[in-house]
Amino acid sequence: MGCSDEIFDFLLKQHSEKEVEPFILCIAVYADPHFANIETFESWWNIENLALGGKKPKALAQTKSGIEQVLQYLVQLE
């Protein structure tokens, strides 16, 4: 079982609800099974990812196109 509630809490501490909103469905449906605990998600969120062009998901989430790229990645985890 994943940790989507903890992931949302973690994201809401760093970003506004409006910024986190696009991630809600993706995290609940696609990412939740892949992140067994908040530590796993947190390390993924803060580490450069080759599948995301060598950028951190956290950094990409600052722009609309970056959010789309992160969401596409989460969908591919499925």
C-alpha atoms as a PDB file:
ATOM      1  CA  MET A   1       0.000   0.000   0.000  1.00  0.00           C
ATOM      2  CA  GLY A   2       1.259   3.454  -0.834  1.00  0.00           C
ATOM      3  CA  CYS A   3       1.307   6.660   1.111  1.00  0.00           C
ATOM      4  CA  SER A   4      -0.656   9.196  -0.938  1.00  0.00           C
ATOM      5  CA  ASP A   5      -1.964  11.127   2.098  1.00  0.00           C
ATOM      6  CA  GLU A   6       1.578  11.616   3.388  1.00  0.00           C
ATOM      7  CA  ILE A   7       2.729  12.628  -0.101  1.00  0.00           C
ATOM      8  CA  PHE A   8       0.005  15.280  -0.333  1.00  0.00           C
ATOM      9  CA  ASP A   9       0.886  16.618   3.134  1.00  0.00           C
ATOM     10  CA  PHE A  10       4.557  16.758   2.138  1.00  0.00           C
ATOM     11  CA  LEU A  11       3.772  18.644  -1.086  1.00  0.00           C
ATOM     12  CA  LEU A  12       1.358  21.044   0.622  1.00  0.00           C
ATOM     13  CA  LYS A  13       4.065  22.053   3.098  1.00  0.00           C
ATOM     14  CA  GLN A  14       6.201  23.242   0.173  1.00  0.00           C
ATOM     15  CA  HIS A  15       3.645  24.377  -2.404  1.00  0.00           C
ATOM     16  CA  SER A  16       0.228  25.991  -2.574  1.00  0.00           C
ATOM     17  CA  GLU A  17      -2.866  23.849  -2.952  1.00  0.00           C
ATOM     18  CA  LYS A  18      -3.249  25.177  -6.496  1.00  0.00           C
ATOM     19  CA  GLU A  19       0.247  23.945  -7.399  1.00  0.00           C
ATOM     20  CA  VAL A  20      -0.363  20.509  -5.860  1.00  0.00           C
ATOM     21  CA  GLU A  21      -3.812  20.040  -7.379  1.00  0.00           C
ATOM     22  CA  PRO A  22      -2.606  18.631 -10.741  1.00  0.00           C
ATOM     23  CA  PHE A  23      -0.723  15.880  -8.885  1.00  0.00           C
ATOM     24  CA  ILE A  24      -3.610  14.599  -6.770  1.00  0.00           C
ATOM     25  CA  LEU A  25      -5.152  12.123  -9.207  1.00  0.00           C
ATOM     26  CA  CYS A  26      -1.814  11.080 -10.658  1.00  0.00           C
ATOM     27  CA  ILE A  27      -0.311  10.345  -7.268  1.00  0.00           C
ATOM     28  CA  ALA A  28      -3.384   8.528  -5.996  1.00  0.00           C
ATOM     29  CA  VAL A  29      -3.786   6.361  -9.094  1.00  0.00           C
ATOM     30  CA  TYR A  30      -0.327   5.954 -10.594  1.00  0.00           C
ATOM     31  CA  ALA A  31       2.375   6.837  -8.084  1.00  0.00           C
ATOM     32  CA  ASP A  32       0.885   5.601  -4.825  1.00  0.00           C
ATOM     33  CA  PRO A  33       1.696   1.909  -5.466  1.00  0.00           C
ATOM     34  CA  HIS A  34       5.300   2.792  -6.318  1.00  0.00           C
ATOM     35  CA  PHE A  35       6.127   4.825  -3.226  1.00  0.00           C
ATOM     36  CA  ALA A  36       5.886   2.550  -0.197  1.00  0.00           C
ATOM     37  CA  ASN A  37       6.574   5.395   2.232  1.00  0.00           C
ATOM     38  CA  ILE A  38       7.069   9.135   2.318  1.00  0.00           C
ATOM     39  CA  GLU A  39      10.847   8.776   2.459  1.00  0.00           C
ATOM     40  CA  THR A  40      10.854   6.989  -0.909  1.00  0.00           C
ATOM     41  CA  PHE A  41       8.738   9.725  -2.467  1.00  0.00           C
ATOM     42  CA  GLU A  42      10.759  12.506  -0.852  1.00  0.00           C
ATOM     43  CA  SER A  43      14.042  11.155  -2.188  1.00  0.00           C
ATOM     44  CA  TRP A  44      12.525  10.763  -5.692  1.00  0.00           C
ATOM     45  CA  TRP A  45      11.089  14.304  -5.520  1.00  0.00           C
ATOM     46  CA  ASN A  46      14.442  15.852  -4.591  1.00  0.00           C
ATOM     47  CA  ILE A  47      16.875  13.867  -6.784  1.00  0.00           C
ATOM     48  CA  GLU A  48      17.809  14.487 -10.398  1.00  0.00           C
ATOM     49  CA  ASN A  49      16.049  11.959 -12.603  1.00  0.00           C
ATOM     50  CA  LEU A  50      17.435  10.867 -15.964  1.00  0.00           C
ATOM     51  CA  ALA A  51      13.929  10.027 -17.177  1.00  0.00           C
ATOM     52  CA  LEU A  52      13.055  13.688 -16.571  1.00  0.00           C
ATOM     53  CA  GLY A  53      15.990  15.050 -18.518  1.00  0.00           C
ATOM     54  CA  GLY A  54      18.305  15.002 -15.522  1.00  0.00           C
ATOM     55  CA  LYS A  55      16.110  17.435 -13.590  1.00  0.00           C
ATOM     56  CA  LYS A  56      14.526  17.127 -10.161  1.00  0.00           C
ATOM     57  CA  PRO A  57      10.743  16.623 -10.133  1.00  0.00           C
ATOM     58  CA  LYS A  58      10.615  19.376  -7.496  1.00  0.00           C
ATOM     59  CA  ALA A  59      12.274  21.829  -9.886  1.00  0.00           C
ATOM     60  CA  LEU A  60      10.135  20.813 -12.854  1.00  0.00           C
ATOM     61  CA  ALA A  61       6.947  21.302 -10.832  1.00  0.00           C
ATOM     62  CA  GLN A  62       7.573  25.052 -10.841  1.00  0.00           C
ATOM     63  CA  THR A  63       6.274  25.434 -14.415  1.00  0.00           C
ATOM     64  CA  LYS A  64       3.188  24.197 -16.226  1.00  0.00           C
ATOM     65  CA  SER A  65       5.220  22.315 -18.840  1.00  0.00           C
ATOM     66  CA  GLY A  66       7.358  20.823 -16.069  1.00  0.00           C
ATOM     67  CA  ILE A  67       4.258  19.667 -14.184  1.00  0.00           C
ATOM     68  CA  GLU A  68       3.060  17.980 -17.371  1.00  0.00           C
ATOM     69  CA  GLN A  69       6.420  16.226 -17.726  1.00  0.00           C
ATOM     70  CA  VAL A  70       6.308  14.970 -14.115  1.00  0.00           C
ATOM     71  CA  LEU A  71       2.709  13.799 -14.533  1.00  0.00           C
ATOM     72  CA  GLN A  72       3.612  11.906 -17.708  1.00  0.00           C
ATOM     73  CA  TYR A  73       6.432  10.217 -15.815  1.00  0.00           C
ATOM     74  CA  LEU A  74       4.081   9.202 -12.991  1.00  0.00           C
ATOM     75  CA  VAL A  75       1.644   7.731 -15.534  1.00  0.00           C
ATOM     76  CA  GLN A  76       4.509   5.724 -17.080  1.00  0.00           C
ATOM     77  CA  LEU A  77       5.265   4.184 -13.656  1.00  0.00           C
ATOM     78  CA  GLU A  78       2.003   2.287 -14.008  1.00  0.00           C
END
